[in-house]
Protein backbone atom coordinates (compact mmCIF):
# COMPACT_ATOMS: atom_id res chain seq x y z
CA UNK A 1 -35.93 -9.24 42.14
CA UNK A 2 -34.60 -11.05 38.93
CA UNK A 3 -35.94 -10.04 35.66
CA UNK A 4 -35.46 -11.37 31.98
CA UNK A 5 -36.98 -9.17 29.28
CA UNK A 6 -37.59 -9.53 25.78
CA UNK A 7 -38.85 -7.19 23.22
CA UNK A 8 -40.58 -7.47 19.70
CA UNK A 9 -42.96 -5.84 17.29
CA UNK A 10 -46.30 -7.41 16.16
CA UNK A 11 -48.76 -6.74 13.48
CA UNK A 12 -51.59 -7.63 15.83
CA UNK A 13 -53.80 -4.61 16.64
CA UNK A 14 -54.38 -3.49 20.48
CA UNK A 15 -57.95 -5.36 20.48
CA UNK A 16 -56.23 -8.69 19.24
CA UNK A 17 -53.59 -8.35 22.00
CA UNK A 18 -56.14 -7.50 24.62
CA UNK A 19 -58.10 -10.23 23.55
CA UNK A 20 -55.14 -12.65 23.58
CA UNK A 21 -54.11 -11.65 27.05
CA UNK A 22 -57.61 -12.00 28.44
CA UNK A 23 -57.90 -15.60 26.99
CA UNK A 24 -55.63 -17.20 29.36
CA UNK A 25 -56.15 -18.81 32.97
CA UNK A 26 -54.11 -16.22 34.76
CA UNK A 27 -54.69 -13.24 36.80
CA UNK A 28 -54.25 -9.66 35.35
CA UNK A 29 -53.48 -6.55 37.09
CA UNK A 30 -52.89 -2.90 35.71
CA UNK A 31 -49.50 -1.57 36.29
CA UNK A 32 -49.64 1.97 37.57
CA UNK A 33 -46.44 3.87 36.74
CA UNK A 34 -46.37 7.59 38.22
CA UNK A 35 -44.08 8.50 35.48
CA UNK A 36 -46.08 7.42 32.55
CA UNK A 37 -47.62 10.91 31.78
CA UNK A 38 -44.19 12.56 31.54
CA UNK A 39 -43.76 13.67 28.07
CA UNK A 40 -46.76 11.77 26.93
CA UNK A 41 -44.81 8.44 27.10
CA UNK A 42 -47.66 6.28 28.47
CA UNK A 43 -47.84 2.77 26.95
CA UNK A 44 -51.22 1.71 25.59
CA UNK A 45 -51.13 -1.44 27.73
CA UNK A 46 -49.25 -2.04 30.91
CA UNK A 47 -50.40 -5.18 32.87
CA UNK A 48 -48.91 -7.76 35.09
CA UNK A 49 -50.01 -11.18 34.10
CA UNK A 50 -49.51 -13.83 37.11
CA UNK A 51 -50.52 -17.32 38.01
CA UNK A 52 -49.49 -20.45 39.85
CA UNK A 53 -47.24 -22.89 38.31
CA UNK A 54 -48.91 -26.27 37.57
CA UNK A 55 -47.60 -29.70 38.38
CA UNK A 56 -46.21 -29.93 34.87
CA UNK A 57 -44.29 -26.82 35.40
CA UNK A 58 -42.76 -28.07 38.65
CA UNK A 59 -41.58 -31.40 36.89
CA UNK A 60 -40.26 -29.27 34.00
CA UNK A 61 -37.99 -27.28 36.44
CA UNK A 62 -36.56 -29.69 39.09
CA UNK A 63 -36.46 -27.93 42.53
CA UNK A 64 -38.69 -25.08 41.48
CA UNK A 65 -41.87 -26.54 43.03
CA UNK A 66 -45.23 -25.11 42.51
CA UNK A 67 -44.39 -21.50 42.97
CA UNK A 68 -46.07 -18.41 41.51
CA UNK A 69 -44.87 -16.81 38.13
CA UNK A 70 -45.35 -13.32 36.83
CA UNK A 71 -44.80 -11.29 33.73
CA UNK A 72 -45.12 -7.72 32.96
CA UNK A 73 -46.58 -6.85 29.59
CA UNK A 74 -46.14 -3.35 28.27
CA UNK A 75 -47.43 -2.42 24.72
CA UNK A 76 -47.03 0.54 22.64
CA UNK A 77 -48.87 1.36 19.50
CA UNK A 78 -46.51 2.74 16.73
CA UNK A 79 -48.99 2.96 14.20
CA UNK A 80 -48.31 0.21 11.69
CA UNK A 81 -46.96 -2.14 14.45
CA UNK A 82 -47.38 -2.42 18.11
CA UNK A 83 -44.07 -2.77 20.28
CA UNK A 84 -44.24 -5.40 23.07
CA UNK A 85 -41.98 -5.55 26.14
CA UNK A 86 -42.25 -8.65 28.20
CA UNK A 87 -40.45 -8.90 31.47
CA UNK A 88 -40.34 -12.31 33.35
CA UNK A 89 -40.05 -11.68 37.18
CA UNK A 90 -38.46 -13.73 39.87
CA UNK A 91 -37.54 -13.28 43.37
CA UNK A 92 -34.24 -14.18 45.06
CA UNK A 93 -33.18 -17.49 46.55
CA UNK A 94 -33.52 -15.76 49.82
CA UNK A 95 -37.42 -15.02 49.13
CA UNK A 96 -37.78 -18.68 48.15
CA UNK A 97 -36.21 -19.82 51.37
CA UNK A 98 -38.43 -17.33 53.27
CA UNK A 99 -41.52 -18.86 51.46
CA UNK A 100 -40.65 -22.19 52.93
CA UNK A 101 -43.22 -24.93 52.34
CA UNK A 102 -45.80 -22.70 50.97
CA UNK A 103 -43.56 -21.87 47.80
CA UNK A 104 -45.41 -18.44 47.49
CA UNK A 105 -42.66 -16.59 45.36
CA UNK A 106 -42.18 -15.69 41.86
CA UNK A 107 -39.87 -18.26 40.25
CA UNK A 108 -38.00 -16.84 37.31
CA UNK A 109 -37.86 -20.28 35.37
CA UNK A 110 -41.68 -20.46 35.39
CA UNK A 111 -41.96 -16.81 34.58
CA UNK A 112 -39.72 -17.09 31.62
CA UNK A 113 -41.61 -20.09 30.31
CA UNK A 114 -44.81 -18.36 30.61
CA UNK A 115 -43.58 -15.22 29.17
CA UNK A 116 -42.30 -17.10 25.99
CA UNK A 117 -45.67 -18.84 25.65
CA UNK A 118 -47.56 -15.67 25.94
CA UNK A 119 -45.06 -13.84 23.41
CA UNK A 120 -45.66 -16.74 20.87
CA UNK A 121 -49.54 -16.01 21.02
CA UNK A 122 -48.88 -12.20 20.59
CA UNK A 123 -46.22 -12.61 17.69
């Protein structure tokens, strides 16, 4: 699995972040980390956002096709600010080849584009 991460702080409160994340046309899944409770280090928000790349996305990244994209979003409330970590996910070329004509794999290029768009919404 390929990844590409960015981190930033935002003045948006947790309710605003949740509202922003719920406003998109994408799937949202809770991330379960068995180590979150160790030392009280659990993030306030930990989700996987994913969707199918559009035709526009496919034209933007020649050869990427209409694959899937996925971004992990992890938010920790620091009091005055919220720390956001966003990780774009992409599978290897082998996974893409295995997907064949269906293109059912996470494309890192699409994931990075959507991650950046969502990051702008949260900044």
